[in-house]
């Protein structure tokens, strides 16, 4: 979800920057301007496609994460997870076998 917000923010900032840019005072012929406008439209279409792909990917990943969490919380796994004989491992703690610098 954070990636979606960050991506959306960057896209909005890019669009604001493009819209606030001064137009070129040296406008070319109408054919050239039309070509530039078409390229601009194509760019926006590609950006929309990328944004849609990112959103779809995030939704897919969120669904997979929910499935994984549901699987971990399943009662069949609780004997393995909640075993009192097993020591809890702190992943942020330095392992005792690591040489100290």
C-alpha atoms as a PDB file:
ATOM      1  CA  UNK A   1       0.000   0.000   0.000  1.00  0.00           C
ATOM      2  CA  UNK A   2       2.918   2.307   0.803  1.00  0.00           C
ATOM      3  CA  UNK A   3       4.419   1.679  -2.645  1.00  0.00           C
ATOM      4  CA  UNK A   4       1.123   2.639  -4.268  1.00  0.00           C
ATOM      5  CA  UNK A   5       0.993   5.894  -2.309  1.00  0.00           C
ATOM      6  CA  UNK A   6       4.607   6.712  -3.146  1.00  0.00           C
ATOM      7  CA  UNK A   7       4.112   5.911  -6.825  1.00  0.00           C
ATOM      8  CA  UNK A   8       0.932   7.960  -6.973  1.00  0.00           C
ATOM      9  CA  UNK A   9       2.664  10.882  -5.271  1.00  0.00           C
ATOM     10  CA  UNK A  10       5.550  10.822  -7.771  1.00  0.00           C
ATOM     11  CA  UNK A  11       3.140  10.618 -10.691  1.00  0.00           C
ATOM     12  CA  UNK A  12       1.175  13.588  -9.354  1.00  0.00           C
ATOM     13  CA  UNK A  13       4.361  15.599  -8.867  1.00  0.00           C
ATOM     14  CA  UNK A  14       5.431  14.735 -12.417  1.00  0.00           C
ATOM     15  CA  UNK A  15       2.066  15.841 -13.784  1.00  0.00           C
ATOM     16  CA  UNK A  16       2.167  19.084 -11.782  1.00  0.00           C
ATOM     17  CA  UNK A  17       5.677  19.776 -13.077  1.00  0.00           C
ATOM     18  CA  UNK A  18       4.592  19.138 -16.660  1.00  0.00           C
ATOM     19  CA  UNK A  19       1.502  21.307 -16.351  1.00  0.00           C
ATOM     20  CA  UNK A  20       3.348  24.203 -14.712  1.00  0.00           C
ATOM     21  CA  UNK A  21       6.160  24.256 -17.282  1.00  0.00           C
ATOM     22  CA  UNK A  22       6.146  27.332 -19.492  1.00  0.00           C
ATOM     23  CA  UNK A  23       5.070  26.707 -23.051  1.00  0.00           C
ATOM     24  CA  UNK A  24       7.734  27.048 -25.702  1.00  0.00           C
ATOM     25  CA  UNK A  25       7.621  30.665 -26.984  1.00  0.00           C
ATOM     26  CA  UNK A  26       9.001  29.497 -30.338  1.00  0.00           C
ATOM     27  CA  UNK A  27       5.969  27.544 -31.512  1.00  0.00           C
ATOM     28  CA  UNK A  28       6.574  25.637 -34.706  1.00  0.00           C
ATOM     29  CA  UNK A  29       4.158  24.970 -37.525  1.00  0.00           C
ATOM     30  CA  UNK A  30       0.796  23.380 -36.769  1.00  0.00           C
ATOM     31  CA  UNK A  31       1.957  19.965 -38.043  1.00  0.00           C
ATOM     32  CA  UNK A  32       4.894  19.971 -35.624  1.00  0.00           C
ATOM     33  CA  UNK A  33       2.693  21.056 -32.727  1.00  0.00           C
ATOM     34  CA  UNK A  34       0.165  18.350 -33.590  1.00  0.00           C
ATOM     35  CA  UNK A  35       2.942  15.765 -33.579  1.00  0.00           C
ATOM     36  CA  UNK A  36       4.164  16.986 -30.199  1.00  0.00           C
ATOM     37  CA  UNK A  37       0.624  16.896 -28.814  1.00  0.00           C
ATOM     38  CA  UNK A  38       0.210  13.332 -30.052  1.00  0.00           C
ATOM     39  CA  UNK A  39       3.490  12.318 -28.411  1.00  0.00           C
ATOM     40  CA  UNK A  40       2.332  13.991 -25.200  1.00  0.00           C
ATOM     41  CA  UNK A  41      -0.976  12.101 -25.350  1.00  0.00           C
ATOM     42  CA  UNK A  42       0.867   8.839 -26.028  1.00  0.00           C
ATOM     43  CA  UNK A  43       3.120   9.482 -23.035  1.00  0.00           C
ATOM     44  CA  UNK A  44       0.106  10.012 -20.783  1.00  0.00           C
ATOM     45  CA  UNK A  45      -1.498   6.843 -22.108  1.00  0.00           C
ATOM     46  CA  UNK A  46       1.659   4.874 -21.336  1.00  0.00           C
ATOM     47  CA  UNK A  47       1.835   6.428 -17.856  1.00  0.00           C
ATOM     48  CA  UNK A  48      -1.798   5.430 -17.259  1.00  0.00           C
ATOM     49  CA  UNK A  49      -0.972   1.883 -18.337  1.00  0.00           C
ATOM     50  CA  UNK A  50       2.021   1.731 -15.991  1.00  0.00           C
ATOM     51  CA  UNK A  51      -0.043   3.103 -13.102  1.00  0.00           C
ATOM     52  CA  UNK A  52      -2.779   0.510 -13.743  1.00  0.00           C
ATOM     53  CA  UNK A  53      -0.169  -2.269 -13.875  1.00  0.00           C
ATOM     54  CA  UNK A  54       1.376  -1.104 -10.586  1.00  0.00           C
ATOM     55  CA  UNK A  55      -2.043  -0.971  -8.910  1.00  0.00           C
ATOM     56  CA  UNK A  56      -2.954  -4.457 -10.198  1.00  0.00           C
ATOM     57  CA  UNK A  57       0.387  -5.843  -9.006  1.00  0.00           C
ATOM     58  CA  UNK A  58      -0.069  -4.302  -5.554  1.00  0.00           C
ATOM     59  CA  UNK A  59      -3.564  -5.760  -5.260  1.00  0.00           C
ATOM     60  CA  UNK A  60      -2.205  -9.164  -6.266  1.00  0.00           C
ATOM     61  CA  UNK A  61       0.608  -8.924  -3.691  1.00  0.00           C
ATOM     62  CA  UNK A  62      -1.809  -7.796  -0.966  1.00  0.00           C
ATOM     63  CA  UNK A  63      -4.002 -10.806  -1.735  1.00  0.00           C
ATOM     64  CA  UNK A  64      -1.010 -13.139  -1.525  1.00  0.00           C
ATOM     65  CA  UNK A  65       0.062 -11.567   1.766  1.00  0.00           C
ATOM     66  CA  UNK A  66      -3.429 -12.007   3.229  1.00  0.00           C
ATOM     67  CA  UNK A  67      -3.432 -15.660   2.133  1.00  0.00           C
ATOM     68  CA  UNK A  68      -0.017 -16.196   3.698  1.00  0.00           C
ATOM     69  CA  UNK A  69      -1.062 -14.593   6.983  1.00  0.00           C
ATOM     70  CA  UNK A  70      -4.251 -16.668   7.037  1.00  0.00           C
ATOM     71  CA  UNK A  71      -2.191 -19.807   6.472  1.00  0.00           C
ATOM     72  CA  UNK A  72       0.238 -18.937   9.264  1.00  0.00           C
ATOM     73  CA  UNK A  73      -2.616 -18.234  11.669  1.00  0.00           C
ATOM     74  CA  UNK A  74      -4.342 -21.531  10.807  1.00  0.00           C
ATOM     75  CA  UNK A  75      -4.828 -23.730  13.939  1.00  0.00           C
ATOM     76  CA  UNK A  76      -2.934 -26.574  12.251  1.00  0.00           C
ATOM     77  CA  UNK A  77       0.250 -24.478  12.414  1.00  0.00           C
ATOM     78  CA  UNK A  78      -0.136 -23.261  16.007  1.00  0.00           C
ATOM     79  CA  UNK A  79       1.706 -26.244  17.597  1.00  0.00           C
ATOM     80  CA  UNK A  80       4.758 -25.384  15.525  1.00  0.00           C
ATOM     81  CA  UNK A  81       4.535 -21.652  16.107  1.00  0.00           C
ATOM     82  CA  UNK A  82       3.512 -21.685  19.780  1.00  0.00           C
ATOM     83  CA  UNK A  83       5.848 -24.444  20.979  1.00  0.00           C
ATOM     84  CA  UNK A  84       7.057 -23.521  24.514  1.00  0.00           C
ATOM     85  CA  UNK A  85      10.211 -25.596  24.093  1.00  0.00           C
ATOM     86  CA  UNK A  86      11.311 -23.551  21.112  1.00  0.00           C
ATOM     87  CA  UNK A  87      13.297 -20.401  21.844  1.00  0.00           C
ATOM     88  CA  UNK A  88      12.026 -17.224  20.220  1.00  0.00           C
ATOM     89  CA  UNK A  89      14.514 -15.853  17.731  1.00  0.00           C
ATOM     90  CA  UNK A  90      15.061 -12.111  17.591  1.00  0.00           C
ATOM     91  CA  UNK A  91      16.060 -11.344  14.013  1.00  0.00           C
ATOM     92  CA  UNK A  92      17.412  -7.915  14.992  1.00  0.00           C
ATOM     93  CA  UNK A  93      19.765  -9.345  17.594  1.00  0.00           C
ATOM     94  CA  UNK A  94      23.338 -10.238  16.629  1.00  0.00           C
ATOM     95  CA  UNK A  95      23.817 -13.994  16.574  1.00  0.00           C
ATOM     96  CA  UNK A  96      26.157 -15.296  19.309  1.00  0.00           C
ATOM     97  CA  UNK A  97      28.422 -17.058  16.800  1.00  0.00           C
ATOM     98  CA  UNK A  98      29.109 -13.868  14.826  1.00  0.00           C
ATOM     99  CA  UNK A  99      32.653 -12.568  15.439  1.00  0.00           C
ATOM    100  CA  UNK A 100      32.646  -9.198  17.149  1.00  0.00           C
ATOM    101  CA  UNK A 101      34.471  -6.414  15.327  1.00  0.00           C
END
